[in-house]
Every structure is written in structure tokens, then in C-alpha cells.
Amino acid sequence: MNNFLTVIRRFMTEQAVDYLLVNSTNKFLAEYTMLSENSRYRITGFTGSTGDALVSKDKVWLFVDGRYHIQADIEVDKDVITVVKLQAGENFLDELLKKIPKASVLGLFSEKNSQHNVDLIQKQRKIKLLTHDPLDLYNTKLKIETTSLSTALTGLSSKEKISKIKLKDNEALLLTNPEEVSYLFNLRDFSVPFSSNIRAKAVISTGEAVLFKEDNLEKFEDYIKNLNKTIYADKTSINAYDYALLGDRAVEIKTNPIKLMKSIKTEAEIAHYKQAFNQTDKTMLSIRKYIDANDNLTEFAIAQKLEEEFLRNGAKCLSFRSIVAKDKNSALAHYSKSSANEVLTDGSLILIDCGAYYDGGLATDITRVFVKGEPNALQKRVYTTVLRAFLHAYNTEIKEGLSGYDIDNFTRTFFDENKIEGFIFNHGLGHGIGINVHEAPPNLGKNEIAKTQLKDNMCFTIEPGLYNAEHFGIRLENSCYLKNNKINSFVKMPYEKKLIDYSLMNKIEKEWLEEFGVI
């Protein structure tokens, strides 16, 4: 048992809780947190970006979705950790509650759980809200470096965005989601790895917008306590600690105006994205040439070269930890080790999923698959099937009311009709992109948010994949946007001619492929 797990269990005894939910997130409920501030990583050793752990006096369960099933099995000590593998459409909270007897007390860190989730859990189990996570004592203090963006990049000034929020004199809107605050105030911070968010909270009221950055959050608490207004908050993005500060002044908003506003990009943001993806394509092409021209390359060497090329092509930083995965490692949808011991040999398949931030602070995201030397028949069959799935999703006829949920369903039907034994598609078809590499809405998956209607200038990925832990995985991802009822790709990177089995493609699929070309 590691020392951090010992700390947690001692804490549970002190707090008189039978079970404790240990989160991967921080007090801002960020999707991606550095491992140096990820409590779940500290007790499990699992490096995936999402997934929480449930601790009892003698057991630990780690909950992961389909992207991480294989990775979790590899990284955790199975004598200590039980991996709970959530399937597509399964709800984390439902599976969590199955592990907790009704008479038991569940401890929840109030700063690391949304009020929405707390409400759901406390309807079914006894909970105790805890004001601090003991493992946060081991976190390092981050330096804040804020950059202000021009309207040439954003299309709207902060003042113009705030003016769209309609409030009465006795009302205020509380924002605690860094992505929303960064968007509204046209601010970015590129100093934290894999992020462009500023870590801040804000209060919007008639004629006033007050920003509280992480280094002065003690003023935020005093301000909120003394604000004599009705305060609107989004229970899905505010933590339970902050929500409790509002008391009887709190009113839940069902539709968050900032989420909807930022999901529809301005023409300036679309133009910036086109430029950013042009640079991203150049980086991927450089890496392809690097792999072709050099022997005995490792995953680690390719990942290093990839970051160098991004920076050379104008990136501020990476938008997430690059996935450079060889052969069996490519079956781990979110593999992030980039091992110095994994060496490419003739016939090695290599999957690269990467992206970066440029001046506008919007995340790019692309996935391509290459083979060193000549591919085998199975590699070609799987690659071609995934490519066909992408082309069908990309060329979906967009009718009024169509959602990402619908496109995801169409793609699952395609894979069901074109089965390859042993290979599975075990994640959502795509996600929104923006200030975070994962933004919602839009979403292309089997969840409720994916049922949001797709609208012009929404930006999202399409990334079908097929995976087999004994062989390899192939995922092909283009970031796209909707315009005039047509999906358009930011990514122009061609596909691999030598990996395509044209005998598996029909005439219309070959015509669709001409938009991207092959190399």
C-alpha cells in the first residue's frame, strides 16, 4: 500500500466516513489536471486524464471509461486496485453507488465535486462533505501568466460578450469554470501544461464584471458572502463548496448562457482555427517524414520531435499530452507513456494523436496512423474500415435538428455492418473543441449533451477507431466545423495510400476521399 493511500485511510478514520471518493480533478473541476495535483493518480498510479477512485477501509475501485480500460489494467497494482470498466452509455454515478451499502457514509470533497453530482448522490446515500483533501498538501504552487487577446482573434470584445448576459439589477451570475471565465474575459494562460485557461472565478451583474484570479480567491469568498443579490449558478460546473457560499440566494440555471455562447465560434475564431490547423498539418507532415527517414526511432523520440515541430510551427504549447503509440500500445485509446524502450521496426504501426495551442488559445486536435515500411493485410483492412467510417460520418446529410448523438449512432451501425473480429469501437465518435481540447456542447457520443442540436460554427472532432489489445488500434481524427448544413474539416492532412485497401471501398467513398487526398 502506497503512502498516499495510507494518508487517505487515516483521514477517513478521522472524518468517520466508510467510503471516500478521491477525484482526478481540482477545485475548478478541470477535466485535465497535472499529475502533480491529481489525488486519484497519487493513490492508484493511473495516469489517465479522467476517472475517479472509491476507497473503503480495505478496497479501492478505479472507474474508467472505454478509452482507458487497457491502460488502467497495465498501470495499477491489481492486488490493491479493482478497475471498474465503464461501457459506452453506462453512468459513472450509477456504478459508483452499487459499491456503497445504503447504511454507509460516503465522504465527498466539497471543492472537487459539482453541486449537481452531490445532489444526485445524497438522494441515494448518506454523505459527508469534506472541506479539504489531505493530498492537496503535496501540490506545488503554480505561477500565473495571463495574456489578453485582441478582438482580431476573438471576434468579440469582453464587453460585447458580457453585454449578451441579461440580468436585472438585483441579479448576478457566478462563473467558476475556468474555460467560461477565460472565454468571457478574452484571457489565456499558457504557463500550465496542456491548458490555455486562466484559473479564475467571476461574478457578473448589471454594469459590473468582477474577476478573481487564483492568487486572490480569498477576496472572492468575502465578495460572495456580502453580495446582496439573487445569484445564478450552473450546478454542473460549480463545486459544492462554492455553491454553499450562496445559501438561499442561489438559483440554478438550467441553460448556461456562456456554454452556448462559446460553443458557436465567431468568424474570427474560425479563421484563427484554420490557420492553427494549417500549422498543425505541417507538424504532422514533418513527423511523417521524420518516421520515414529514420530507423530505430522510439515512441519517446517521436514525441520529443513532435513537440519541437509544434513549437517551430508557432505553437505556444501542446493542448494535451501527445499520444505516440506503437503496435499494441495503439490499442490504448489514451496511451500517454511514449516509451524510450518501444522501438519502431519494419512493419511497426504508429498512432499519433496530438494538438497544440497557438496565439488565440484554441486547442487543435488530430490523429493519424503510419506504418514503418510495408503494412500487413490486417493493418490495411482495419485502417480502411476506420477511414470509411470517418468518411461516412463526415459526409452525413445535415438536417434541422440533427445532433452529434445521431451521427455517433450512424457510425456504430456502420461498424456493426462491417465487423472485424476482435476489434471494437469503445469510445464516443467525437467531442467539441475550443479553449479546452474537450468542449461541450457539442458532443458526438451516447450521452445527453450529445443530443444538443448541431449549429453553424460549432467545432468538433470526428474520430472513429477500432482496437484490439492483442494487435493494435487505429483511430483517424479530423477536427471539423459546421457551416451551412455541411461538415467542413479544419484538418487537410492526407491519408496513407499504402494503408488503404481500395477493394473495400465503393465509388462514392473513393470520391469522398478525394477531398483529403492520399500520400
Protein backbone atom coordinates (compact mmCIF):
# COMPACT_ATOMS: atom_id res chain seq x y z
CA MET A 1 0.00 0.00 0.00
CA ASN A 2 1.49 3.36 -1.01
CA ASN A 3 1.99 6.20 1.47
CA PHE A 4 -0.74 8.36 -0.09
CA LEU A 5 -3.31 5.62 0.37
CA THR A 6 -2.23 5.36 4.00
CA VAL A 7 -2.81 9.11 4.39
CA ILE A 8 -6.26 8.80 2.83
CA ARG A 9 -7.34 5.91 5.06
CA ARG A 10 -6.11 7.69 8.18
CA PHE A 11 -8.11 10.74 7.06
CA MET A 12 -11.21 8.58 6.57
CA THR A 13 -10.93 7.33 10.16
CA GLU A 14 -10.55 10.87 11.48
CA GLN A 15 -13.59 12.04 9.48
CA ALA A 16 -15.70 8.97 10.36
CA VAL A 17 -16.55 8.05 6.77
CA ASP A 18 -16.84 4.49 5.48
CA TYR A 19 -16.11 5.32 1.84
CA LEU A 20 -14.28 8.22 0.20
CA LEU A 21 -14.42 9.42 -3.41
CA VAL A 22 -10.92 10.51 -4.48
CA ASN A 23 -11.04 12.74 -7.53
CA SER A 24 -8.78 13.36 -10.50
CA THR A 25 -9.86 17.00 -10.72
CA ASN A 26 -9.12 20.17 -8.74
CA LYS A 27 -11.23 22.91 -7.10
CA PHE A 28 -12.04 24.34 -10.55
CA LEU A 29 -13.40 20.94 -11.65
CA ALA A 30 -10.97 20.98 -14.58
CA GLU A 31 -11.09 17.94 -16.84
CA TYR A 32 -7.31 17.84 -17.20
CA THR A 33 -5.14 18.39 -14.15
CA MET A 34 -1.43 17.92 -13.85
CA LEU A 35 -0.44 14.66 -12.18
CA SER A 36 1.29 16.77 -9.52
CA GLU A 37 -2.15 17.88 -8.28
CA ASN A 38 -4.15 14.74 -9.13
CA SER A 39 -5.10 12.91 -5.93
CA ARG A 40 -6.53 9.91 -7.75
CA TYR A 41 -3.19 9.40 -9.52
CA ARG A 42 -1.36 9.56 -6.20
CA ILE A 43 -3.29 6.66 -4.71
CA THR A 44 -3.69 4.47 -7.82
CA GLY A 45 -0.74 5.22 -10.11
CA PHE A 46 -3.18 5.53 -13.04
CA THR A 47 -2.08 8.40 -15.31
CA GLY A 48 -5.24 8.82 -17.40
CA SER A 49 -6.70 12.31 -17.56
CA THR A 50 -10.11 11.32 -16.17
CA GLY A 51 -11.53 8.69 -13.83
CA ASP A 52 -12.09 8.76 -10.06
CA ALA A 53 -11.37 6.24 -7.29
CA LEU A 54 -13.56 4.99 -4.46
CA VAL A 55 -11.75 4.00 -1.27
CA SER A 56 -13.06 1.86 1.58
CA LYS A 57 -11.20 0.56 4.62
CA ASP A 58 -9.95 -2.45 2.65
CA LYS A 59 -10.66 -1.84 -1.06
CA VAL A 60 -10.02 0.66 -3.84
CA TRP A 61 -12.07 0.84 -7.05
CA LEU A 62 -10.89 2.85 -10.05
CA PHE A 63 -13.64 3.86 -12.51
CA VAL A 64 -12.54 4.35 -16.13
CA ASP A 65 -14.34 4.68 -19.45
CA GLY A 66 -13.57 2.76 -22.64
CA ARG A 67 -10.60 4.93 -23.57
CA TYR A 68 -8.68 3.70 -20.53
CA HIS A 69 -9.69 0.06 -19.97
CA ILE A 70 -6.40 -1.41 -21.13
CA GLN A 71 -4.22 1.40 -19.77
CA ALA A 72 -5.70 1.08 -16.28
CA ASP A 73 -5.07 -2.67 -16.26
CA ILE A 74 -1.43 -2.03 -17.14
CA GLU A 75 -0.74 0.80 -14.70
CA VAL A 76 -2.44 -0.19 -11.45
CA ASP A 77 -1.46 -2.76 -8.84
CA LYS A 78 -4.29 -5.26 -9.23
CA ASP A 79 -3.65 -6.65 -5.76
CA VAL A 80 -4.75 -3.27 -4.41
CA ILE A 81 -6.91 -1.67 -7.10
CA THR A 82 -10.03 -3.07 -8.78
CA VAL A 83 -10.60 -1.49 -12.19
CA VAL A 84 -14.28 -0.83 -12.95
CA LYS A 85 -14.58 -0.62 -16.73
CA LEU A 86 -17.48 1.61 -17.70
CA GLN A 87 -19.06 0.65 -21.02
CA ALA A 88 -20.50 3.07 -23.58
CA GLY A 89 -23.68 4.58 -22.17
CA GLU A 90 -23.02 3.49 -18.57
CA ASN A 91 -23.21 6.21 -15.93
CA PHE A 92 -20.30 6.62 -13.51
CA LEU A 93 -22.50 7.60 -10.54
CA ASP A 94 -24.79 4.59 -11.04
CA GLU A 95 -21.81 2.24 -10.96
CA LEU A 96 -20.28 4.09 -8.00
CA LEU A 97 -23.39 3.75 -5.87
CA LYS A 98 -23.54 0.00 -6.48
CA LYS A 99 -20.32 -0.31 -4.44
CA ILE A 100 -21.65 1.60 -1.42
CA PRO A 101 -24.13 -0.06 1.03
CA LYS A 102 -27.05 2.21 1.87
CA ALA A 103 -26.20 2.36 5.57
CA SER A 104 -22.64 3.58 4.88
CA VAL A 105 -21.36 7.16 4.91
CA LEU A 106 -19.65 8.43 1.76
CA GLY A 107 -17.14 11.24 2.08
CA LEU A 108 -17.02 13.81 -0.74
CA PHE A 109 -14.55 16.66 -1.12
CA SER A 110 -16.81 19.68 -1.47
CA GLU A 111 -14.30 21.58 -3.62
CA LYS A 112 -13.82 18.68 -6.05
CA ASN A 113 -17.38 17.58 -6.73
CA SER A 114 -20.00 19.52 -8.63
CA GLN A 115 -23.16 20.52 -6.80
CA HIS A 116 -25.06 18.59 -9.48
CA ASN A 117 -23.32 15.34 -8.58
CA VAL A 118 -23.63 15.98 -4.85
CA ASP A 119 -27.38 16.46 -5.27
CA LEU A 120 -27.69 13.18 -7.16
CA ILE A 121 -25.61 11.17 -4.68
CA GLN A 122 -27.19 12.47 -1.49
CA LYS A 123 -30.64 11.42 -2.73
CA GLN A 124 -29.46 7.82 -2.55
CA ARG A 125 -26.68 7.62 0.06
CA LYS A 126 -25.59 9.26 3.29
CA ILE A 127 -22.82 11.73 2.51
CA LYS A 128 -20.43 13.89 4.46
CA LEU A 129 -18.99 16.94 2.70
CA LEU A 130 -15.32 17.45 3.50
CA THR A 131 -13.75 20.89 3.20
CA HIS A 132 -10.25 19.78 2.25
CA ASP A 133 -8.37 16.98 0.51
CA PRO A 134 -5.33 15.97 2.62
CA LEU A 135 -3.33 15.11 -0.52
CA ASP A 136 -3.52 18.74 -1.70
CA LEU A 137 -0.81 19.49 0.86
CA TYR A 138 1.62 17.90 -1.61
CA ASN A 139 0.67 20.20 -4.51
CA THR A 140 3.14 22.75 -5.85
CA LYS A 141 2.10 26.39 -6.24
CA LEU A 142 1.60 27.42 -9.87
CA LYS A 143 2.80 30.66 -11.44
CA ILE A 144 0.11 32.73 -13.17
CA GLU A 145 0.95 34.36 -16.52
CA THR A 146 -2.14 35.97 -18.05
CA THR A 147 -2.35 37.01 -21.71
CA SER A 148 -5.06 39.29 -23.07
CA LEU A 149 -6.37 38.53 -26.58
CA SER A 150 -7.28 41.08 -29.25
CA THR A 151 -10.68 41.07 -30.96
CA ALA A 152 -8.86 40.14 -34.17
CA LEU A 153 -8.53 36.68 -32.61
CA THR A 154 -11.78 36.51 -30.66
CA GLY A 155 -14.21 38.44 -32.87
CA LEU A 156 -15.92 39.95 -29.84
CA SER A 157 -14.57 42.09 -27.03
CA SER A 158 -15.09 41.01 -23.45
CA LYS A 159 -17.50 43.90 -23.01
CA GLU A 160 -19.56 42.74 -26.01
CA LYS A 161 -19.74 39.19 -24.68
CA ILE A 162 -20.77 40.33 -21.20
CA SER A 163 -23.45 42.59 -22.70
CA LYS A 164 -25.18 39.49 -24.07
CA ILE A 165 -25.85 38.28 -20.50
CA LYS A 166 -29.19 39.77 -19.48
CA LEU A 167 -29.61 40.36 -15.74
CA LYS A 168 -31.85 42.51 -13.55
CA ASP A 169 -30.39 44.96 -11.01
CA ASN A 170 -30.92 42.51 -8.16
CA GLU A 171 -29.34 39.54 -10.00
CA ALA A 172 -25.83 38.22 -10.56
CA LEU A 173 -24.26 35.31 -12.43
CA LEU A 174 -21.45 33.35 -10.79
CA LEU A 175 -18.89 31.64 -13.06
CA THR A 176 -16.39 29.21 -11.53
CA ASN A 177 -15.46 27.26 -14.67
CA PRO A 178 -12.03 28.47 -15.92
CA GLU A 179 -12.93 27.78 -19.55
CA GLU A 180 -16.00 30.03 -19.31
CA VAL A 181 -14.13 32.77 -17.45
CA SER A 182 -11.24 32.64 -19.95
CA TYR A 183 -13.70 32.89 -22.84
CA LEU A 184 -15.75 35.72 -21.39
CA PHE A 185 -12.78 37.91 -20.46
CA ASN A 186 -10.63 37.05 -23.54
CA LEU A 187 -7.79 35.93 -21.28
CA ARG A 188 -5.40 32.99 -21.58
CA ASP A 189 -2.57 31.45 -19.55
CA PHE A 190 -0.10 29.24 -21.44
CA SER A 191 2.16 28.57 -18.45
CA VAL A 192 0.33 25.45 -17.22
CA PRO A 193 0.98 22.36 -19.36
CA PHE A 194 -1.81 21.34 -21.76
CA SER A 195 -4.05 24.30 -20.98
CA SER A 196 -4.77 27.85 -22.07
CA ASN A 197 -7.31 28.56 -19.30
CA ILE A 198 -6.79 31.14 -16.64
CA ARG A 199 -7.61 29.70 -13.22
CA ALA A 200 -10.17 32.20 -12.01
CA LYS A 201 -13.76 32.86 -10.99
CA ALA A 202 -16.03 35.76 -11.89
CA VAL A 203 -19.23 37.47 -10.81
CA ILE A 204 -21.31 39.22 -13.48
CA SER A 205 -24.01 41.72 -12.57
CA THR A 206 -25.63 44.75 -14.18
CA GLY A 207 -22.87 47.20 -15.05
CA GLU A 208 -20.13 45.18 -13.33
CA ALA A 209 -17.94 42.16 -14.04
CA VAL A 210 -15.56 41.23 -11.24
CA LEU A 211 -12.70 38.80 -11.89
CA PHE A 212 -10.95 36.83 -9.15
CA LYS A 213 -7.75 35.06 -10.23
CA GLU A 214 -6.38 32.11 -8.30
CA ASP A 215 -3.94 34.26 -6.32
CA ASN A 216 -6.75 36.39 -4.81
CA LEU A 217 -9.55 33.88 -4.28
CA GLU A 218 -9.82 34.80 -0.60
CA LYS A 219 -11.33 38.10 -1.82
CA PHE A 220 -13.81 36.12 -3.91
CA GLU A 221 -15.22 34.39 -0.85
CA ASP A 222 -15.67 37.67 1.04
CA TYR A 223 -17.26 39.30 -2.03
CA ILE A 224 -19.78 36.49 -2.49
CA LYS A 225 -20.74 36.42 1.18
CA ASN A 226 -21.56 40.15 1.07
CA LEU A 227 -23.33 40.22 -2.29
CA ASN A 228 -26.99 41.06 -1.64
CA LYS A 229 -28.42 39.71 -4.89
CA THR A 230 -30.03 36.62 -6.34
CA ILE A 231 -27.06 34.63 -7.65
CA TYR A 232 -27.41 32.32 -10.62
CA ALA A 233 -25.08 29.32 -10.85
CA ASP A 234 -24.64 26.25 -13.05
CA LYS A 235 -24.74 23.22 -10.74
CA THR A 236 -22.87 21.10 -13.30
CA SER A 237 -19.79 23.34 -13.22
CA ILE A 238 -19.76 24.87 -9.72
CA ASN A 239 -18.28 22.85 -6.87
CA ALA A 240 -20.33 22.14 -3.76
CA TYR A 241 -18.15 24.36 -1.57
CA ASP A 242 -18.74 27.46 -3.69
CA TYR A 243 -22.43 26.68 -4.06
CA ALA A 244 -22.81 26.50 -0.28
CA LEU A 245 -21.44 30.06 -0.04
CA LEU A 246 -24.53 31.29 -1.89
CA GLY A 247 -27.02 30.00 0.69
CA ASP A 248 -30.61 30.91 -0.03
CA ARG A 249 -29.52 33.46 -2.68
CA ALA A 250 -28.68 30.59 -5.08
CA VAL A 251 -30.79 29.92 -8.17
CA GLU A 252 -29.82 27.09 -10.51
CA ILE A 253 -29.60 27.90 -14.21
CA LYS A 254 -30.73 25.05 -16.44
CA THR A 255 -29.20 26.52 -19.61
CA ASN A 256 -25.79 28.09 -19.16
CA PRO A 257 -25.58 31.14 -21.50
CA ILE A 258 -21.77 31.05 -21.60
CA LYS A 259 -21.63 27.38 -22.63
CA LEU A 260 -23.91 28.07 -25.57
CA MET A 261 -22.19 31.33 -26.49
CA LYS A 262 -18.69 29.87 -26.65
CA SER A 263 -19.84 26.72 -28.48
CA ILE A 264 -20.67 28.79 -31.57
CA LYS A 265 -17.40 30.26 -32.76
CA THR A 266 -17.15 33.72 -34.29
CA GLU A 267 -15.86 34.14 -37.83
CA ALA A 268 -12.59 35.42 -36.33
CA GLU A 269 -12.26 32.24 -34.25
CA ILE A 270 -12.99 30.07 -37.31
CA ALA A 271 -10.32 31.98 -39.26
CA HIS A 272 -7.83 31.53 -36.42
CA TYR A 273 -8.66 27.83 -36.25
CA LYS A 274 -8.00 27.43 -39.98
CA GLN A 275 -4.56 28.99 -39.53
CA ALA A 276 -3.84 26.91 -36.41
CA PHE A 277 -4.76 23.67 -38.15
CA ASN A 278 -2.65 24.61 -41.14
CA GLN A 279 0.31 24.73 -38.76
CA THR A 280 -0.83 21.51 -37.10
CA ASP A 281 -0.97 19.77 -40.50
CA LYS A 282 2.58 20.96 -41.23
CA THR A 283 3.73 19.48 -37.94
CA MET A 284 2.12 16.12 -38.67
CA LEU A 285 3.61 16.03 -42.17
CA SER A 286 7.05 16.76 -40.69
CA ILE A 287 6.67 13.87 -38.26
CA ARG A 288 5.60 11.54 -41.05
CA LYS A 289 8.79 12.40 -42.95
CA TYR A 290 10.85 12.00 -39.78
CA ILE A 291 9.50 8.48 -39.23
CA ASP A 292 10.12 7.51 -42.86
CA ALA A 293 13.67 8.89 -42.91
CA ASN A 294 14.99 7.46 -39.63
CA ASP A 295 15.49 3.96 -38.26
CA ASN A 296 15.40 2.71 -34.66
CA LEU A 297 13.10 5.50 -33.53
CA THR A 298 11.39 5.17 -30.18
CA GLU A 299 7.97 6.44 -29.12
CA PHE A 300 9.78 8.86 -26.82
CA ALA A 301 11.99 10.26 -29.59
CA ILE A 302 8.98 10.80 -31.84
CA ALA A 303 7.06 12.56 -29.04
CA GLN A 304 10.04 14.86 -28.41
CA LYS A 305 10.38 15.66 -32.10
CA LEU A 306 6.64 16.26 -32.31
CA GLU A 307 6.73 18.92 -29.60
CA GLU A 308 9.79 20.55 -31.23
CA GLU A 309 7.94 20.72 -34.56
CA PHE A 310 4.83 22.21 -32.97
CA LEU A 311 6.89 24.95 -31.33
CA ARG A 312 8.83 25.54 -34.57
CA ASN A 313 5.50 25.98 -36.36
CA GLY A 314 4.33 28.69 -33.96
CA ALA A 315 2.59 26.81 -31.16
CA LYS A 316 2.56 28.26 -27.65
CA CYS A 317 2.36 24.80 -26.06
CA LEU A 318 0.69 21.43 -26.55
CA SER A 319 -3.07 21.25 -26.00
CA PHE A 320 -2.73 17.80 -24.35
CA ARG A 321 -0.06 15.21 -23.74
CA SER A 322 0.66 13.72 -27.16
CA ILE A 323 -0.21 10.08 -27.75
CA VAL A 324 2.59 8.34 -29.63
CA ALA A 325 1.70 4.65 -29.52
CA LYS A 326 3.39 1.74 -31.31
CA ASP A 327 1.69 -1.56 -32.21
CA LYS A 328 -0.16 -2.97 -29.14
CA ASN A 329 0.15 0.36 -27.34
CA SER A 330 -2.01 1.94 -30.05
CA ALA A 331 -4.92 -0.15 -28.74
CA LEU A 332 -4.89 2.06 -25.62
CA ALA A 333 -7.08 4.93 -26.79
CA HIS A 334 -5.39 7.43 -24.45
CA TYR A 335 -1.92 5.88 -24.10
CA SER A 336 0.50 8.61 -22.98
CA LYS A 337 3.73 6.87 -21.94
CA SER A 338 5.78 7.49 -25.13
CA SER A 339 8.32 4.90 -24.01
CA ALA A 340 12.04 5.08 -24.77
CA ASN A 341 12.00 1.27 -24.84
CA GLU A 342 9.46 0.93 -27.64
CA VAL A 343 11.48 0.91 -30.88
CA LEU A 344 9.92 1.03 -34.35
CA THR A 345 10.95 -1.85 -36.60
CA ASP A 346 9.89 -2.81 -40.12
CA GLY A 347 6.11 -3.21 -40.16
CA SER A 348 5.53 -1.30 -36.92
CA LEU A 349 2.27 0.63 -36.77
CA ILE A 350 2.40 4.00 -35.01
CA LEU A 351 -0.64 6.05 -33.90
CA ILE A 352 -0.12 9.76 -33.20
CA ASP A 353 -2.84 11.83 -31.52
CA CYS A 354 -1.71 15.39 -30.87
CA GLY A 355 -2.57 19.06 -30.84
CA ALA A 356 -1.40 22.48 -29.73
CA TYR A 357 -2.37 25.99 -28.71
CA TYR A 358 -1.44 29.00 -30.83
CA ASP A 359 -1.89 32.73 -30.18
CA GLY A 360 -5.69 32.51 -29.93
CA GLY A 361 -5.63 29.84 -27.24
CA LEU A 362 -7.93 27.39 -29.04
CA ALA A 363 -6.93 23.72 -28.93
CA THR A 364 -6.16 21.79 -32.10
CA ASP A 365 -6.58 18.00 -32.23
CA ILE A 366 -5.66 15.47 -34.93
CA THR A 367 -4.93 11.73 -35.09
CA ARG A 368 -3.12 9.87 -37.85
CA VAL A 369 -1.69 6.37 -38.17
CA PHE A 370 1.51 5.44 -40.02
CA VAL A 371 3.43 2.24 -40.70
CA LYS A 372 7.20 1.94 -40.81
CA GLY A 373 7.89 0.05 -44.03
CA GLU A 374 5.09 -2.02 -45.53
CA PRO A 375 1.79 -2.77 -43.78
CA ASN A 376 0.26 -6.23 -43.47
CA ALA A 377 -3.20 -7.22 -44.67
CA LEU A 378 -4.88 -6.83 -41.25
CA GLN A 379 -3.44 -3.34 -40.76
CA LYS A 380 -4.78 -2.33 -44.17
CA ARG A 381 -8.21 -3.84 -43.54
CA VAL A 382 -8.67 -2.12 -40.18
CA TYR A 383 -7.26 1.22 -41.41
CA THR A 384 -9.55 1.19 -44.45
CA THR A 385 -12.61 0.32 -42.36
CA VAL A 386 -11.92 3.17 -39.93
CA LEU A 387 -11.29 5.56 -42.84
CA ARG A 388 -14.60 4.56 -44.41
CA ALA A 389 -16.35 5.13 -41.06
CA PHE A 390 -14.86 8.62 -40.90
CA LEU A 391 -15.90 9.43 -44.47
CA HIS A 392 -19.48 8.33 -43.82
CA ALA A 393 -19.71 10.37 -40.60
CA TYR A 394 -18.08 13.39 -42.24
CA ASN A 395 -20.49 13.29 -45.17
CA THR A 396 -23.61 12.89 -43.04
CA GLU A 397 -26.55 14.77 -44.51
CA ILE A 398 -27.19 17.54 -42.01
CA LYS A 399 -30.89 18.17 -41.48
CA GLU A 400 -32.51 20.53 -39.00
CA GLY A 401 -32.40 19.08 -35.51
CA LEU A 402 -29.58 16.63 -36.22
CA SER A 403 -27.29 16.08 -33.25
CA GLY A 404 -23.93 14.53 -32.53
CA TYR A 405 -25.84 11.69 -30.85
CA ASP A 406 -27.35 10.84 -34.24
CA ILE A 407 -24.00 10.84 -36.08
CA ASP A 408 -22.48 8.65 -33.36
CA ASN A 409 -25.36 6.18 -33.81
CA PHE A 410 -24.90 6.12 -37.60
CA THR A 411 -21.21 5.29 -37.11
CA ARG A 412 -21.90 2.46 -34.65
CA THR A 413 -24.32 0.99 -37.17
CA PHE A 414 -21.60 1.20 -39.84
CA PHE A 415 -19.13 -0.67 -37.62
CA ASP A 416 -21.78 -3.29 -36.78
CA GLU A 417 -22.28 -3.88 -40.52
CA ASN A 418 -18.53 -4.04 -41.18
CA LYS A 419 -17.32 -6.10 -38.24
CA ILE A 420 -13.70 -7.18 -37.91
CA GLU A 421 -13.44 -9.98 -35.39
CA GLY A 422 -11.69 -8.97 -32.18
CA PHE A 423 -11.72 -5.22 -32.91
CA ILE A 424 -14.05 -2.90 -31.01
CA PHE A 425 -15.12 0.76 -31.09
CA ASN A 426 -15.32 1.68 -27.40
CA HIS A 427 -15.46 5.46 -27.15
CA GLY A 428 -17.53 8.38 -28.39
CA LEU A 429 -17.24 9.44 -32.02
CA GLY A 430 -16.09 12.94 -31.16
CA HIS A 431 -16.11 15.95 -28.89
CA GLY A 432 -16.34 19.70 -29.11
CA ILE A 433 -13.12 21.71 -29.31
CA GLY A 434 -12.35 25.20 -28.11
CA ILE A 435 -10.40 26.68 -25.21
CA ASN A 436 -10.31 23.13 -23.86
CA VAL A 437 -9.49 20.27 -26.19
CA HIS A 438 -12.75 18.72 -24.93
CA GLU A 439 -15.65 21.17 -25.00
CA ALA A 440 -19.37 20.53 -24.60
CA PRO A 441 -21.62 21.25 -26.30
CA PRO A 442 -21.24 19.97 -28.99
CA ASN A 443 -20.51 16.28 -28.50
CA LEU A 444 -20.70 13.17 -30.67
CA GLY A 445 -21.46 10.29 -28.33
CA LYS A 446 -24.05 8.33 -26.34
CA ASN A 447 -24.64 10.94 -23.62
CA GLU A 448 -27.33 13.56 -23.05
CA ILE A 449 -25.18 16.55 -24.04
CA ALA A 450 -24.63 14.88 -27.45
CA LYS A 451 -28.35 15.33 -28.11
CA THR A 452 -27.78 19.10 -28.43
CA GLN A 453 -28.64 20.24 -31.97
CA LEU A 454 -25.58 20.98 -34.11
CA LYS A 455 -25.43 24.61 -35.25
CA ASP A 456 -23.32 26.65 -37.65
CA ASN A 457 -19.78 27.39 -36.40
CA MET A 458 -19.85 24.65 -33.80
CA CYS A 459 -16.45 22.93 -33.84
CA PHE A 460 -15.92 19.24 -33.08
CA THR A 461 -13.85 16.18 -33.83
CA ILE A 462 -14.85 13.09 -35.76
CA GLU A 463 -12.62 10.22 -34.61
CA PRO A 464 -13.80 6.68 -35.23
CA GLY A 465 -11.48 3.90 -34.13
CA LEU A 466 -11.08 0.14 -33.87
CA TYR A 467 -8.94 -1.51 -31.19
CA ASN A 468 -7.65 -4.97 -30.34
CA ALA A 469 -5.36 -5.35 -27.33
CA GLU A 470 -3.54 -8.29 -28.91
CA HIS A 471 -2.79 -6.50 -32.17
CA PHE A 472 -3.15 -2.70 -32.45
CA GLY A 473 -5.60 0.16 -32.60
CA ILE A 474 -6.39 2.58 -35.39
CA ARG A 475 -8.09 5.93 -34.90
CA LEU A 476 -8.41 8.63 -37.55
CA GLU A 477 -9.41 12.05 -36.26
CA ASN A 478 -10.22 15.28 -38.04
CA SER A 479 -11.35 18.44 -36.27
CA CYS A 480 -14.30 19.97 -38.11
CA TYR A 481 -16.87 22.75 -38.07
CA LEU A 482 -20.44 23.07 -39.30
CA LYS A 483 -21.28 25.70 -41.92
CA ASN A 484 -24.49 25.97 -43.98
CA ASN A 485 -25.63 22.45 -43.06
CA LYS A 486 -22.34 20.89 -44.14
CA ILE A 487 -19.48 19.48 -42.08
CA ASN A 488 -16.13 21.02 -43.07
CA SER A 489 -12.71 19.80 -41.97
CA PHE A 490 -10.08 22.10 -40.50
CA VAL A 491 -7.62 19.24 -40.96
CA LYS A 492 -6.28 18.84 -44.51
CA MET A 493 -3.67 16.17 -43.73
CA PRO A 494 -3.86 13.41 -46.40
CA TYR A 495 -4.34 9.74 -45.60
CA GLU A 496 -1.85 6.90 -46.05
CA LYS A 497 -2.13 5.37 -49.53
CA LYS A 498 -0.19 2.25 -48.59
CA LEU A 499 -2.62 1.55 -45.72
CA ILE A 500 -5.74 1.75 -47.89
CA ASP A 501 -7.29 -1.37 -49.41
CA TYR A 502 -9.23 0.21 -52.24
CA SER A 503 -11.05 -3.06 -52.94
CA LEU A 504 -13.00 -2.46 -49.71
CA MET A 505 -14.20 0.99 -50.84
CA ASN A 506 -17.13 1.77 -53.10
CA LYS A 507 -17.23 4.51 -55.73
CA ILE A 508 -18.78 7.22 -53.53
CA GLU A 509 -16.28 6.54 -50.73
CA LYS A 510 -13.40 6.95 -53.18
CA GLU A 511 -14.93 10.24 -54.37
CA TRP A 512 -15.24 11.44 -50.75
CA LEU A 513 -11.57 10.58 -50.17
CA GLU A 514 -10.52 12.96 -52.97
CA GLU A 515 -11.24 15.95 -50.67
CA PHE A 516 -8.28 14.94 -48.49
CA GLY A 517 -6.10 13.00 -50.89
CA VAL A 518 -3.52 10.36 -50.11
CA ILE A 519 0.21 10.44 -49.69
